[in-house]
Amino acid sequence: MKNFKEEELIMYVYKDCTPELTAAIGKAIEEDAELKHRVNSIERSIEQLNLLQLKSPSKQSIKAILDYAKLSKK
């Protein structure tokens, strides 16, 4: 059985892989409990990330970064 890379599994969860890869992973999940667990873990992680309340950086932080970038160009 093929060892799928983490990136491939993430693409699978996001439904962003080729039909061939989707079919291969789907079939492998049916046959491999450990792979199914890995995919479920990725799905739960994505769900948790989507629940986070992200805040924009402060204007002061943005200004400091831009000022630093200007100095770096010199």
C-alpha atoms as a PDB file:
ATOM      1  CA  MET A   1       0.000   0.000   0.000  1.00  0.00           C
ATOM      2  CA  LYS A   2       1.245   3.475  -0.865  1.00  0.00           C
ATOM      3  CA  ASN A   3       2.502   5.775   1.862  1.00  0.00           C
ATOM      4  CA  PHE A   4       0.741   9.086   1.327  1.00  0.00           C
ATOM      5  CA  LYS A   5       2.489  12.327   2.160  1.00  0.00           C
ATOM      6  CA  GLU A   6       0.864  14.661   4.670  1.00  0.00           C
ATOM      7  CA  GLU A   7       0.463  17.246   1.889  1.00  0.00           C
ATOM      8  CA  GLU A   8      -1.507  14.769  -0.207  1.00  0.00           C
ATOM      9  CA  LEU A   9      -3.815  13.997   2.699  1.00  0.00           C
ATOM     10  CA  ILE A  10      -4.393  17.695   3.345  1.00  0.00           C
ATOM     11  CA  MET A  11      -5.203  18.187  -0.343  1.00  0.00           C
ATOM     12  CA  TYR A  12      -7.596  15.240  -0.083  1.00  0.00           C
ATOM     13  CA  VAL A  13      -9.405  16.771   2.894  1.00  0.00           C
ATOM     14  CA  TYR A  14      -9.704  20.094   1.049  1.00  0.00           C
ATOM     15  CA  LYS A  15     -10.862  18.234  -2.081  1.00  0.00           C
ATOM     16  CA  ASP A  16      -7.967  19.737  -4.007  1.00  0.00           C
ATOM     17  CA  CYS A  17      -6.254  16.738  -5.574  1.00  0.00           C
ATOM     18  CA  THR A  18      -6.580  14.902  -8.856  1.00  0.00           C
ATOM     19  CA  PRO A  19      -9.420  12.430  -9.318  1.00  0.00           C
ATOM     20  CA  GLU A  20      -6.847   9.620  -9.432  1.00  0.00           C
ATOM     21  CA  LEU A  21      -5.295  10.643  -6.116  1.00  0.00           C
ATOM     22  CA  THR A  22      -8.729  11.133  -4.563  1.00  0.00           C
ATOM     23  CA  ALA A  23      -9.706   7.604  -5.599  1.00  0.00           C
ATOM     24  CA  ALA A  24      -6.418   6.119  -4.367  1.00  0.00           C
ATOM     25  CA  ILE A  25      -6.651   7.786  -0.965  1.00  0.00           C
ATOM     26  CA  GLY A  26     -10.351   6.961  -0.622  1.00  0.00           C
ATOM     27  CA  LYS A  27      -9.670   3.289  -1.348  1.00  0.00           C
ATOM     28  CA  ALA A  28      -6.693   3.228   1.002  1.00  0.00           C
ATOM     29  CA  ILE A  29      -8.745   4.792   3.817  1.00  0.00           C
ATOM     30  CA  GLU A  30     -11.272   1.959   3.526  1.00  0.00           C
ATOM     31  CA  GLU A  31      -8.476  -0.606   3.964  1.00  0.00           C
ATOM     32  CA  ASP A  32      -6.164   1.109   6.460  1.00  0.00           C
ATOM     33  CA  ALA A  33      -7.433   2.175   9.900  1.00  0.00           C
ATOM     34  CA  GLU A  34      -4.226   4.096  10.650  1.00  0.00           C
ATOM     35  CA  LEU A  35      -4.570   6.149   7.455  1.00  0.00           C
ATOM     36  CA  LYS A  36      -8.229   6.813   8.276  1.00  0.00           C
ATOM     37  CA  HIS A  37      -7.117   8.041  11.706  1.00  0.00           C
ATOM     38  CA  ARG A  38      -4.534  10.377  10.100  1.00  0.00           C
ATOM     39  CA  VAL A  39      -7.163  11.861   7.769  1.00  0.00           C
ATOM     40  CA  ASN A  40      -9.636  12.276  10.649  1.00  0.00           C
ATOM     41  CA  SER A  41      -6.930  14.018  12.650  1.00  0.00           C
ATOM     42  CA  ILE A  42      -6.289  16.457   9.797  1.00  0.00           C
ATOM     43  CA  GLU A  43     -10.022  17.128   9.503  1.00  0.00           C
ATOM     44  CA  ARG A  44     -10.303  17.862  13.234  1.00  0.00           C
ATOM     45  CA  SER A  45      -7.265  20.145  13.098  1.00  0.00           C
ATOM     46  CA  ILE A  46      -8.780  22.115  10.230  1.00  0.00           C
ATOM     47  CA  GLU A  47     -12.071  22.416  12.109  1.00  0.00           C
ATOM     48  CA  GLN A  48     -10.245  23.761  15.164  1.00  0.00           C
ATOM     49  CA  LEU A  49      -8.232  26.237  13.086  1.00  0.00           C
ATOM     50  CA  ASN A  50     -11.436  27.504  11.486  1.00  0.00           C
ATOM     51  CA  LEU A  51     -12.849  28.229  14.953  1.00  0.00           C
ATOM     52  CA  LEU A  52      -9.971  30.508  15.940  1.00  0.00           C
ATOM     53  CA  GLN A  53     -10.757  34.185  16.261  1.00  0.00           C
ATOM     54  CA  LEU A  54      -7.794  35.745  14.516  1.00  0.00           C
ATOM     55  CA  LYS A  55      -7.005  39.402  15.010  1.00  0.00           C
ATOM     56  CA  SER A  56      -5.285  41.739  12.596  1.00  0.00           C
ATOM     57  CA  PRO A  57      -1.922  43.103  13.683  1.00  0.00           C
ATOM     58  CA  SER A  58      -1.979  46.572  15.199  1.00  0.00           C
ATOM     59  CA  LYS A  59      -1.190  49.604  13.064  1.00  0.00           C
ATOM     60  CA  GLN A  60       1.890  50.115  15.221  1.00  0.00           C
ATOM     61  CA  SER A  61       3.160  46.612  14.381  1.00  0.00           C
ATOM     62  CA  ILE A  62       2.545  47.104  10.664  1.00  0.00           C
ATOM     63  CA  LYS A  63       4.363  50.446  10.731  1.00  0.00           C
ATOM     64  CA  ALA A  64       7.328  48.907  12.558  1.00  0.00           C
ATOM     65  CA  ILE A  65       7.580  46.130   9.953  1.00  0.00           C
ATOM     66  CA  LEU A  66       7.367  48.577   7.052  1.00  0.00           C
ATOM     67  CA  ASP A  67       9.953  50.880   8.656  1.00  0.00           C
ATOM     68  CA  TYR A  68      12.284  47.915   9.139  1.00  0.00           C
ATOM     69  CA  ALA A  69      11.766  46.845   5.512  1.00  0.00           C
ATOM     70  CA  LYS A  70      12.676  50.334   4.307  1.00  0.00           C
ATOM     71  CA  LEU A  71      15.896  50.241   6.332  1.00  0.00           C
ATOM     72  CA  SER A  72      16.767  46.807   4.976  1.00  0.00           C
ATOM     73  CA  LYS A  73      16.665  48.041   1.371  1.00  0.00           C
ATOM     74  CA  LYS A  74      19.437  50.581   1.975  1.00  0.00           C
END
